[in-house]
Amino acid sequence: DQMLDSRGVSQNQLAKDTGISTSTLRNLNHNRTTRISFDVLEKICLY
């Protein structure tokens, strides 16, 4: 969330541009996930 705020990007925009589901991003942001795939991490970091 802090990284998105600093870049002026919303979760919805990140989801749209990367193909990562909004529910995956929402769960990640709210620490409601026990694992994250390397593919998702890579997409977020590249974006």
All heavy atoms as atom14 arrays in JSON, in Angstrom:
{
  "sequence": "DQMLDSRGVSQNQLAKDTGISTSTLRNLNHNRTTRISFDVLEKICLY",
  "atom14_mask": [
    [1, 1, 1, 1, 1, 1, 1, 1, 0, 0, 0, 0, 0, 0],
    [1, 1, 1, 1, 1, 1, 1, 1, 1, 0, 0, 0, 0, 0],
    [1, 1, 1, 1, 1, 1, 1, 1, 0, 0, 0, 0, 0, 0],
    [1, 1, 1, 1, 1, 1, 1, 1, 0, 0, 0, 0, 0, 0],
    [1, 1, 1, 1, 1, 1, 1, 1, 0, 0, 0, 0, 0, 0],
    [1, 1, 1, 1, 1, 1, 0, 0, 0, 0, 0, 0, 0, 0],
    [1, 1, 1, 1, 1, 1, 1, 1, 1, 1, 1, 0, 0, 0],
    [1, 1, 1, 1, 0, 0, 0, 0, 0, 0, 0, 0, 0, 0],
    [1, 1, 1, 1, 1, 1, 1, 0, 0, 0, 0, 0, 0, 0],
    [1, 1, 1, 1, 1, 1, 0, 0, 0, 0, 0, 0, 0, 0],
    [1, 1, 1, 1, 1, 1, 1, 1, 1, 0, 0, 0, 0, 0],
    [1, 1, 1, 1, 1, 1, 1, 1, 0, 0, 0, 0, 0, 0],
    [1, 1, 1, 1, 1, 1, 1, 1, 1, 0, 0, 0, 0, 0],
    [1, 1, 1, 1, 1, 1, 1, 1, 0, 0, 0, 0, 0, 0],
    [1, 1, 1, 1, 1, 0, 0, 0, 0, 0, 0, 0, 0, 0],
    [1, 1, 1, 1, 1, 1, 1, 1, 1, 0, 0, 0, 0, 0],
    [1, 1, 1, 1, 1, 1, 1, 1, 0, 0, 0, 0, 0, 0],
    [1, 1, 1, 1, 1, 1, 1, 0, 0, 0, 0, 0, 0, 0],
    [1, 1, 1, 1, 0, 0, 0, 0, 0, 0, 0, 0, 0, 0],
    [1, 1, 1, 1, 1, 1, 1, 1, 0, 0, 0, 0, 0, 0],
    [1, 1, 1, 1, 1, 1, 0, 0, 0, 0, 0, 0, 0, 0],
    [1, 1, 1, 1, 1, 1, 1, 0, 0, 0, 0, 0, 0, 0],
    [1, 1, 1, 1, 1, 1, 0, 0, 0, 0, 0, 0, 0, 0],
    [1, 1, 1, 1, 1, 1, 1, 0, 0, 0, 0, 0, 0, 0],
    [1, 1, 1, 1, 1, 1, 1, 1, 0, 0, 0, 0, 0, 0],
    [1, 1, 1, 1, 1, 1, 1, 1, 1, 1, 1, 0, 0, 0],
    [1, 1, 1, 1, 1, 1, 1, 1, 0, 0, 0, 0, 0, 0],
    [1, 1, 1, 1, 1, 1, 1, 1, 0, 0, 0, 0, 0, 0],
    [1, 1, 1, 1, 1, 1, 1, 1, 0, 0, 0, 0, 0, 0],
    [1, 1, 1, 1, 1, 1, 1, 1, 1, 1, 0, 0, 0, 0],
    [1, 1, 1, 1, 1, 1, 1, 1, 0, 0, 0, 0, 0, 0],
    [1, 1, 1, 1, 1, 1, 1, 1, 1, 1, 1, 0, 0, 0],
    [1, 1, 1, 1, 1, 1, 1, 0, 0, 0, 0, 0, 0, 0],
    [1, 1, 1, 1, 1, 1, 1, 0, 0, 0, 0, 0, 0, 0],
    [1, 1, 1, 1, 1, 1, 1, 1, 1, 1, 1, 0, 0, 0],
    [1, 1, 1, 1, 1, 1, 1, 1, 0, 0, 0, 0, 0, 0],
    [1, 1, 1, 1, 1, 1, 0, 0, 0, 0, 0, 0, 0, 0],
    [1, 1, 1, 1, 1, 1, 1, 1, 1, 1, 1, 0, 0, 0],
    [1, 1, 1, 1, 1, 1, 1, 1, 0, 0, 0, 0, 0, 0],
    [1, 1, 1, 1, 1, 1, 1, 0, 0, 0, 0, 0, 0, 0],
    [1, 1, 1, 1, 1, 1, 1, 1, 0, 0, 0, 0, 0, 0],
    [1, 1, 1, 1, 1, 1, 1, 1, 1, 0, 0, 0, 0, 0],
    [1, 1, 1, 1, 1, 1, 1, 1, 1, 0, 0, 0, 0, 0],
    [1, 1, 1, 1, 1, 1, 1, 1, 0, 0, 0, 0, 0, 0],
    [1, 1, 1, 1, 1, 1, 0, 0, 0, 0, 0, 0, 0, 0],
    [1, 1, 1, 1, 1, 1, 1, 1, 0, 0, 0, 0, 0, 0],
    [1, 1, 1, 1, 1, 1, 1, 1, 1, 1, 1, 1, 0, 0]
  ],
  "atom14_positions": [
    [[0.82, -1.21, 0.0], [0.0, 0.0, 0.0], [0.85, 1.26, 0.0], [0.57, 2.2, -0.74], [-0.93, 0.03, 1.22], [-2.31, -0.52, 0.92], [-2.64, -0.71, -0.27], [-3.06, -0.75, 1.88], [0.0, 0.0, 0.0], [0.0, 0.0, 0.0], [0.0, 0.0, 0.0], [0.0, 0.0, 0.0], [0.0, 0.0, 0.0], [0.0, 0.0, 0.0]],
    [[1.9, 1.26, 0.83], [2.77, 2.43, 0.88], [3.48, 2.65, -0.45], [3.63, 3.78, -0.91], [3.81, 2.29, 2.01], [3.21, 2.35, 3.39], [2.86, 0.97, 3.93], [2.56, 0.03, 3.2], [2.88, 0.83, 5.25], [0.0, 0.0, 0.0], [0.0, 0.0, 0.0], [0.0, 0.0, 0.0], [0.0, 0.0, 0.0], [0.0, 0.0, 0.0]],
    [[3.9, 1.56, -1.07], [4.57, 1.66, -2.36], [3.6, 2.18, -3.43], [3.96, 3.04, -4.23], [5.14, 0.29, -2.77], [5.95, 0.32, -4.03], [7.42, 1.34, -4.0], [8.43, 0.44, -2.85], [0.0, 0.0, 0.0], [0.0, 0.0, 0.0], [0.0, 0.0, 0.0], [0.0, 0.0, 0.0], [0.0, 0.0, 0.0], [0.0, 0.0, 0.0]],
    [[2.38, 1.68, -3.41], [1.38, 2.16, -4.37], [1.1, 3.64, -4.15], [1.03, 4.41, -5.11], [0.09, 1.34, -4.25], [0.16, -0.11, -4.72], [-1.14, -0.83, -4.39], [0.45, -0.19, -6.21], [0.0, 0.0, 0.0], [0.0, 0.0, 0.0], [0.0, 0.0, 0.0], [0.0, 0.0, 0.0], [0.0, 0.0, 0.0], [0.0, 0.0, 0.0]],
    [[0.94, 4.04, -2.9], [0.68, 5.45, -2.59], [1.81, 6.34, -3.08], [1.57, 7.4, -3.67], [0.49, 5.66, -1.08], [-0.85, 5.14, -0.56], [-1.75, 4.89, -1.4], [-0.99, 4.99, 0.66], [0.0, 0.0, 0.0], [0.0, 0.0, 0.0], [0.0, 0.0, 0.0], [0.0, 0.0, 0.0], [0.0, 0.0, 0.0], [0.0, 0.0, 0.0]],
    [[3.04, 5.91, -2.85], [4.18, 6.73, -3.26], [4.29, 6.85, -4.78], [4.85, 7.82, -5.28], [5.48, 6.17, -2.68], [5.87, 4.98, -3.33], [0.0, 0.0, 0.0], [0.0, 0.0, 0.0], [0.0, 0.0, 0.0], [0.0, 0.0, 0.0], [0.0, 0.0, 0.0], [0.0, 0.0, 0.0], [0.0, 0.0, 0.0], [0.0, 0.0, 0.0]],
    [[3.73, 5.88, -5.49], [3.76, 5.9, -6.96], [2.48, 6.49, -7.56], [2.38, 6.65, -8.77], [3.94, 4.48, -7.52], [5.2, 3.76, -7.09], [6.42, 4.3, -7.79], [7.53, 3.39, -7.84], [8.4, 3.18, -6.87], [8.26, 3.78, -5.72], [9.42, 2.35, -7.03], [0.0, 0.0, 0.0], [0.0, 0.0, 0.0], [0.0, 0.0, 0.0]],
    [[1.48, 6.76, -6.71], [0.21, 7.29, -7.2], [-0.58, 6.28, -8.01], [-1.26, 6.63, -8.97], [0.0, 0.0, 0.0], [0.0, 0.0, 0.0], [0.0, 0.0, 0.0], [0.0, 0.0, 0.0], [0.0, 0.0, 0.0], [0.0, 0.0, 0.0], [0.0, 0.0, 0.0], [0.0, 0.0, 0.0], [0.0, 0.0, 0.0], [0.0, 0.0, 0.0]],
    [[-0.49, 5.01, -7.62], [-1.16, 3.92, -8.33], [-2.15, 3.25, -7.38], [-1.84, 3.01, -6.21], [-0.12, 2.86, -8.81], [-0.8, 1.69, -9.47], [0.9, 3.49, -9.74], [0.0, 0.0, 0.0], [0.0, 0.0, 0.0], [0.0, 0.0, 0.0], [0.0, 0.0, 0.0], [0.0, 0.0, 0.0], [0.0, 0.0, 0.0], [0.0, 0.0, 0.0]],
    [[-3.34, 2.97, -7.87], [-4.34, 2.27, -7.06], [-4.2, 0.77, -7.22], [-3.59, 0.28, -8.18], [-5.75, 2.69, -7.48], [-6.05, 2.17, -8.78], [0.0, 0.0, 0.0], [0.0, 0.0, 0.0], [0.0, 0.0, 0.0], [0.0, 0.0, 0.0], [0.0, 0.0, 0.0], [0.0, 0.0, 0.0], [0.0, 0.0, 0.0], [0.0, 0.0, 0.0]],
    [[-4.78, 0.03, -6.28], [-4.79, -1.43, -6.39], [-5.51, -1.85, -7.66], [-5.08, -2.79, -8.34], [-5.5, -2.06, -5.19], [-4.68, -2.13, -3.96], [-5.41, -2.89, -2.85], [-6.16, -3.82, -3.12], [-5.17, -2.48, -1.62], [0.0, 0.0, 0.0], [0.0, 0.0, 0.0], [0.0, 0.0, 0.0], [0.0, 0.0, 0.0], [0.0, 0.0, 0.0]],
    [[-6.6, -1.16, -7.98], [-7.36, -1.5, -9.18], [-6.53, -1.3, -10.45], [-6.58, -2.11, -11.37], [-8.65, -0.69, -9.26], [-9.67, -1.14, -8.25], [-9.66, -2.28, -7.79], [-10.56, -0.24, -7.88], [0.0, 0.0, 0.0], [0.0, 0.0, 0.0], [0.0, 0.0, 0.0], [0.0, 0.0, 0.0], [0.0, 0.0, 0.0], [0.0, 0.0, 0.0]],
    [[-5.75, -0.22, -10.49], [-4.91, 0.04, -11.65], [-3.81, -1.01, -11.76], [-3.51, -1.51, -12.84], [-4.29, 1.44, -11.58], [-3.57, 1.85, -12.84], [-4.5, 1.97, -14.03], [-5.55, 2.58, -13.92], [-4.13, 1.37, -15.15], [0.0, 0.0, 0.0], [0.0, 0.0, 0.0], [0.0, 0.0, 0.0], [0.0, 0.0, 0.0], [0.0, 0.0, 0.0]],
    [[-3.2, -1.36, -10.63], [-2.18, -2.4, -10.61], [-2.75, -3.72, -11.12], [-2.13, -4.41, -11.94], [-1.61, -2.58, -9.2], [-0.55, -3.66, -9.01], [0.68, -3.39, -9.85], [-0.18, -3.78, -7.54], [0.0, 0.0, 0.0], [0.0, 0.0, 0.0], [0.0, 0.0, 0.0], [0.0, 0.0, 0.0], [0.0, 0.0, 0.0], [0.0, 0.0, 0.0]],
    [[-3.94, -4.06, -10.65], [-4.6, -5.3, -11.09], [-4.86, -5.28, -12.59], [-4.56, -6.25, -13.3], [-5.9, -5.5, -10.32], [0.0, 0.0, 0.0], [0.0, 0.0, 0.0], [0.0, 0.0, 0.0], [0.0, 0.0, 0.0], [0.0, 0.0, 0.0], [0.0, 0.0, 0.0], [0.0, 0.0, 0.0], [0.0, 0.0, 0.0], [0.0, 0.0, 0.0]],
    [[-5.38, -4.17, -13.06], [-5.71, -4.05, -14.49], [-4.46, -4.16, -15.36], [-4.47, -4.85, -16.38], [-6.41, -2.71, -14.73], [-6.79, -2.46, -16.15], [-7.45, -1.09, -16.29], [-7.69, -0.77, -17.75], [-8.18, 0.6, -17.93], [0.0, 0.0, 0.0], [0.0, 0.0, 0.0], [0.0, 0.0, 0.0], [0.0, 0.0, 0.0], [0.0, 0.0, 0.0]],
    [[-3.4, -3.49, -14.96], [-2.2, -3.43, -15.78], [-1.33, -4.7, -15.7], [-0.55, -4.95, -16.6], [-1.35, -2.22, -15.39], [-2.01, -0.9, -15.76], [-2.96, -0.9, -16.57], [-1.57, 0.14, -15.23], [0.0, 0.0, 0.0], [0.0, 0.0, 0.0], [0.0, 0.0, 0.0], [0.0, 0.0, 0.0], [0.0, 0.0, 0.0], [0.0, 0.0, 0.0]],
    [[-1.46, -5.46, -14.61], [-0.61, -6.64, -14.45], [-1.35, -7.96, -14.65], [-0.72, -9.0, -14.8], [0.02, -6.68, -13.05], [-1.02, -6.77, -12.08], [0.9, -5.48, -12.8], [0.0, 0.0, 0.0], [0.0, 0.0, 0.0], [0.0, 0.0, 0.0], [0.0, 0.0, 0.0], [0.0, 0.0, 0.0], [0.0, 0.0, 0.0], [0.0, 0.0, 0.0]],
    [[-2.67, -7.92, -14.59], [-3.44, -9.16, -14.7], [-3.57, -9.91, -13.38], [-4.1, -11.01, -13.33], [0.0, 0.0, 0.0], [0.0, 0.0, 0.0], [0.0, 0.0, 0.0], [0.0, 0.0, 0.0], [0.0, 0.0, 0.0], [0.0, 0.0, 0.0], [0.0, 0.0, 0.0], [0.0, 0.0, 0.0], [0.0, 0.0, 0.0], [0.0, 0.0, 0.0]],
    [[-3.07, -9.31, -12.3], [-3.22, -9.91, -10.97], [-4.62, -9.57, -10.48], [-5.06, -8.43, -10.58], [-2.17, -9.35, -9.99], [-0.76, -9.62, -10.5], [-2.36, -9.94, -8.6], [0.32, -8.86, -9.75], [0.0, 0.0, 0.0], [0.0, 0.0, 0.0], [0.0, 0.0, 0.0], [0.0, 0.0, 0.0], [0.0, 0.0, 0.0], [0.0, 0.0, 0.0]],
    [[-5.32, -10.55, -9.93], [-6.7, -10.3, -9.49], [-6.72, -9.3, -8.34], [-5.8, -9.25, -7.51], [-7.39, -11.59, -9.08], [-6.9, -12.05, -7.83], [0.0, 0.0, 0.0], [0.0, 0.0, 0.0], [0.0, 0.0, 0.0], [0.0, 0.0, 0.0], [0.0, 0.0, 0.0], [0.0, 0.0, 0.0], [0.0, 0.0, 0.0], [0.0, 0.0, 0.0]],
    [[-7.79, -8.51, -8.3], [-7.93, -7.53, -7.22], [-8.05, -8.23, -5.87], [-7.55, -7.71, -4.87], [-9.15, -6.61, -7.44], [-10.32, -7.41, -7.63], [-8.95, -5.7, -8.63], [0.0, 0.0, 0.0], [0.0, 0.0, 0.0], [0.0, 0.0, 0.0], [0.0, 0.0, 0.0], [0.0, 0.0, 0.0], [0.0, 0.0, 0.0], [0.0, 0.0, 0.0]],
    [[-8.65, -9.41, -5.84], [-8.77, -10.12, -4.56], [-7.39, -10.57, -4.07], [-7.12, -10.52, -2.87], [-9.72, -11.31, -4.67], [-9.25, -12.26, -5.6], [0.0, 0.0, 0.0], [0.0, 0.0, 0.0], [0.0, 0.0, 0.0], [0.0, 0.0, 0.0], [0.0, 0.0, 0.0], [0.0, 0.0, 0.0], [0.0, 0.0, 0.0], [0.0, 0.0, 0.0]],
    [[-6.51, -10.98, -4.97], [-5.15, -11.34, -4.58], [-4.43, -10.14, -3.99], [-3.8, -10.24, -2.93], [-4.37, -11.9, -5.78], [-4.98, -13.11, -6.22], [-2.91, -12.16, -5.43], [0.0, 0.0, 0.0], [0.0, 0.0, 0.0], [0.0, 0.0, 0.0], [0.0, 0.0, 0.0], [0.0, 0.0, 0.0], [0.0, 0.0, 0.0], [0.0, 0.0, 0.0]],
    [[-4.52, -9.0, -4.64], [-3.87, -7.79, -4.15], [-4.47, -7.33, -2.83], [-3.75, -6.93, -1.92], [-3.96, -6.67, -5.19], [-3.16, -6.91, -6.46], [-3.46, -5.84, -7.49], [-1.68, -6.98, -6.17], [0.0, 0.0, 0.0], [0.0, 0.0, 0.0], [0.0, 0.0, 0.0], [0.0, 0.0, 0.0], [0.0, 0.0, 0.0], [0.0, 0.0, 0.0]],
    [[-5.79, -7.39, -2.71], [-6.46, -6.99, -1.47], [-6.03, -7.89, -0.31], [-5.7, -7.4, 0.77], [-7.98, -7.06, -1.67], [-8.78, -6.41, -0.57], [-10.28, -6.41, -0.84], [-10.63, -6.1, -2.22], [-11.14, -6.97, -3.09], [-11.37, -8.21, -2.75], [-11.44, -6.61, -4.32], [0.0, 0.0, 0.0], [0.0, 0.0, 0.0], [0.0, 0.0, 0.0]],
    [[-6.01, -9.19, -0.54], [-5.58, -10.12, 0.52], [-4.12, -9.9, 0.9], [-3.77, -9.94, 2.08], [-5.78, -11.57, 0.07], [-7.24, -11.97, 0.06], [-8.06, -11.4, 0.77], [-7.57, -12.94, -0.75], [0.0, 0.0, 0.0], [0.0, 0.0, 0.0], [0.0, 0.0, 0.0], [0.0, 0.0, 0.0], [0.0, 0.0, 0.0], [0.0, 0.0, 0.0]],
    [[-3.29, -9.63, -0.09], [-1.89, -9.35, 0.18], [-1.74, -8.08, 1.02], [-1.02, -8.05, 2.01], [-1.14, -9.21, -1.14], [0.36, -9.02, -1.08], [1.04, -10.19, -0.38], [0.92, -8.86, -2.48], [0.0, 0.0, 0.0], [0.0, 0.0, 0.0], [0.0, 0.0, 0.0], [0.0, 0.0, 0.0], [0.0, 0.0, 0.0], [0.0, 0.0, 0.0]],
    [[-2.46, -7.04, 0.65], [-2.38, -5.77, 1.37], [-2.87, -5.86, 2.8], [-2.42, -5.1, 3.66], [-3.17, -4.69, 0.64], [-2.33, -3.98, -0.39], [-1.15, -3.76, -0.19], [-2.93, -3.64, -1.51], [0.0, 0.0, 0.0], [0.0, 0.0, 0.0], [0.0, 0.0, 0.0], [0.0, 0.0, 0.0], [0.0, 0.0, 0.0], [0.0, 0.0, 0.0]],
    [[-3.82, -6.73, 3.05], [-4.4, -6.86, 4.39], [-3.81, -8.04, 5.16], [-4.39, -8.49, 6.14], [-5.92, -6.97, 4.31], [-6.56, -5.73, 3.76], [-6.58, -4.54, 4.44], [-7.17, -5.49, 2.58], [-7.19, -3.63, 3.71], [-7.55, -4.17, 2.57], [0.0, 0.0, 0.0], [0.0, 0.0, 0.0], [0.0, 0.0, 0.0], [0.0, 0.0, 0.0]],
    [[-2.67, -8.55, 4.68], [-1.99, -9.67, 5.34], [-2.9, -10.86, 5.59], [-2.82, -11.5, 6.62], [-1.33, -9.2, 6.64], [-0.16, -8.29, 6.39], [0.74, -8.63, 5.64], [-0.18, -7.12, 7.0], [0.0, 0.0, 0.0], [0.0, 0.0, 0.0], [0.0, 0.0, 0.0], [0.0, 0.0, 0.0], [0.0, 0.0, 0.0], [0.0, 0.0, 0.0]],
    [[-3.78, -11.13, 4.63], [-4.68, -12.28, 4.74], [-4.26, -13.4, 3.8], [-5.08, -14.16, 3.31], [-6.12, -11.85, 4.41], [-6.72, -10.93, 5.43], [-8.18, -10.67, 5.16], [-8.37, -10.08, 3.85], [-9.15, -9.04, 3.6], [-9.82, -8.48, 4.58], [-9.27, -8.56, 2.39], [0.0, 0.0, 0.0], [0.0, 0.0, 0.0], [0.0, 0.0, 0.0]],
    [[-3.0, -13.49, 3.56], [-2.49, -14.56, 2.7], [-1.32, -15.23, 3.39], [-0.6, -14.6, 4.16], [-2.09, -14.0, 1.32], [-1.77, -15.07, 0.46], [-0.94, -13.04, 1.41], [0.0, 0.0, 0.0], [0.0, 0.0, 0.0], [0.0, 0.0, 0.0], [0.0, 0.0, 0.0], [0.0, 0.0, 0.0], [0.0, 0.0, 0.0], [0.0, 0.0, 0.0]],
    [[-1.16, -16.51, 3.14], [-0.06, -17.24, 3.77], [1.07, -17.48, 2.79], [2.15, -17.91, 3.18], [-0.54, -18.6, 4.31], [-1.14, -19.34, 3.26], [-1.53, -18.39, 5.45], [0.0, 0.0, 0.0], [0.0, 0.0, 0.0], [0.0, 0.0, 0.0], [0.0, 0.0, 0.0], [0.0, 0.0, 0.0], [0.0, 0.0, 0.0], [0.0, 0.0, 0.0]],
    [[0.84, -17.2, 1.51], [1.89, -17.38, 0.52], [1.61, -16.47, -0.68], [0.49, -16.05, -0.91], [2.0, -18.82, 0.06], [0.78, -19.33, -0.63], [0.89, -20.83, -0.91], [-0.28, -21.29, -1.59], [-0.34, -21.52, -2.9], [0.72, -21.35, -3.64], [-1.45, -21.94, -3.46], [0.0, 0.0, 0.0], [0.0, 0.0, 0.0], [0.0, 0.0, 0.0]],
    [[2.66, -16.22, -1.42], [2.54, -15.43, -2.65], [3.48, -16.04, -3.67], [4.62, -16.41, -3.34], [2.86, -13.93, -2.39], [2.69, -13.13, -3.66], [4.22, -13.75, -1.77], [2.77, -11.63, -3.46], [0.0, 0.0, 0.0], [0.0, 0.0, 0.0], [0.0, 0.0, 0.0], [0.0, 0.0, 0.0], [0.0, 0.0, 0.0], [0.0, 0.0, 0.0]],
    [[3.02, -16.15, -4.88], [3.84, -16.79, -5.91], [4.93, -15.83, -6.4], [4.79, -14.6, -6.34], [2.98, -17.23, -7.09], [2.59, -16.13, -7.87], [0.0, 0.0, 0.0], [0.0, 0.0, 0.0], [0.0, 0.0, 0.0], [0.0, 0.0, 0.0], [0.0, 0.0, 0.0], [0.0, 0.0, 0.0], [0.0, 0.0, 0.0], [0.0, 0.0, 0.0]],
    [[6.01, -16.4, -6.88], [7.09, -15.6, -7.43], [6.62, -14.82, -8.66], [7.07, -13.7, -8.9], [8.29, -16.47, -7.8], [9.03, -16.99, -6.61], [9.1, -18.35, -6.36], [9.66, -16.12, -5.73], [9.79, -18.83, -5.25], [10.34, -16.59, -4.62], [10.41, -17.94, -4.38], [0.0, 0.0, 0.0], [0.0, 0.0, 0.0], [0.0, 0.0, 0.0]],
    [[5.69, -15.41, -9.42], [5.16, -14.71, -10.59], [4.46, -13.42, -10.2], [4.63, -12.39, -10.85], [4.18, -15.61, -11.36], [4.86, -16.76, -12.08], [6.09, -16.69, -12.29], [4.16, -17.72, -12.43], [0.0, 0.0, 0.0], [0.0, 0.0, 0.0], [0.0, 0.0, 0.0], [0.0, 0.0, 0.0], [0.0, 0.0, 0.0], [0.0, 0.0, 0.0]],
    [[3.66, -13.48, -9.14], [2.94, -12.29, -8.68], [3.94, -11.26, -8.17], [3.85, -10.07, -8.51], [1.9, -12.66, -7.59], [1.35, -11.42, -6.9], [0.77, -13.48, -8.2], [0.0, 0.0, 0.0], [0.0, 0.0, 0.0], [0.0, 0.0, 0.0], [0.0, 0.0, 0.0], [0.0, 0.0, 0.0], [0.0, 0.0, 0.0], [0.0, 0.0, 0.0]],
    [[4.9, -11.69, -7.37], [5.92, -10.76, -6.87], [6.68, -10.11, -8.03], [6.92, -8.9, -8.02], [6.92, -11.49, -5.98], [6.5, -11.77, -4.56], [7.56, -12.61, -3.85], [6.25, -10.49, -3.8], [0.0, 0.0, 0.0], [0.0, 0.0, 0.0], [0.0, 0.0, 0.0], [0.0, 0.0, 0.0], [0.0, 0.0, 0.0], [0.0, 0.0, 0.0]],
    [[7.03, -10.9, -9.01], [7.77, -10.37, -10.16], [6.94, -9.33, -10.91], [7.45, -8.26, -11.27], [8.18, -11.5, -11.1], [8.96, -11.01, -12.3], [9.39, -12.13, -13.24], [8.63, -13.11, -13.4], [10.48, -12.0, -13.8], [0.0, 0.0, 0.0], [0.0, 0.0, 0.0], [0.0, 0.0, 0.0], [0.0, 0.0, 0.0], [0.0, 0.0, 0.0]],
    [[5.68, -9.62, -11.15], [4.81, -8.67, -11.86], [4.69, -7.36, -11.11], [4.76, -6.28, -11.7], [3.41, -9.27, -12.07], [3.35, -10.33, -13.13], [1.94, -10.87, -13.25], [1.87, -12.0, -14.26], [0.5, -12.52, -14.39], [0.0, 0.0, 0.0], [0.0, 0.0, 0.0], [0.0, 0.0, 0.0], [0.0, 0.0, 0.0], [0.0, 0.0, 0.0]],
    [[4.5, -7.45, -9.79], [4.37, -6.25, -8.97], [5.67, -5.45, -9.01], [5.66, -4.23, -9.22], [3.99, -6.6, -7.51], [2.57, -7.18, -7.46], [4.1, -5.37, -6.61], [2.2, -7.78, -6.11], [0.0, 0.0, 0.0], [0.0, 0.0, 0.0], [0.0, 0.0, 0.0], [0.0, 0.0, 0.0], [0.0, 0.0, 0.0], [0.0, 0.0, 0.0]],
    [[6.78, -6.12, -8.81], [8.08, -5.43, -8.76], [8.44, -4.81, -10.11], [8.95, -3.68, -10.16], [9.17, -6.38, -8.3], [9.03, -6.83, -6.56], [0.0, 0.0, 0.0], [0.0, 0.0, 0.0], [0.0, 0.0, 0.0], [0.0, 0.0, 0.0], [0.0, 0.0, 0.0], [0.0, 0.0, 0.0], [0.0, 0.0, 0.0], [0.0, 0.0, 0.0]],
    [[8.18, -5.51, -11.19], [8.45, -4.94, -12.51], [7.58, -3.72, -12.77], [8.05, -2.7, -13.28], [8.24, -5.99, -13.61], [9.3, -7.08, -13.7], [8.88, -8.15, -14.71], [10.65, -6.49, -14.08], [0.0, 0.0, 0.0], [0.0, 0.0, 0.0], [0.0, 0.0, 0.0], [0.0, 0.0, 0.0], [0.0, 0.0, 0.0], [0.0, 0.0, 0.0]],
    [[6.31, -3.82, -12.43], [5.38, -2.71, -12.65], [5.77, -1.48, -11.83], [5.73, -0.36, -12.33], [3.95, -3.15, -12.3], [2.92, -2.1, -12.62], [2.41, -1.96, -13.9], [2.44, -1.25, -11.62], [1.46, -0.99, -14.19], [1.5, -0.28, -11.91], [1.02, -0.16, -13.19], [0.08, 0.82, -13.49], [0.0, 0.0, 0.0], [0.0, 0.0, 0.0]]
  ]
}
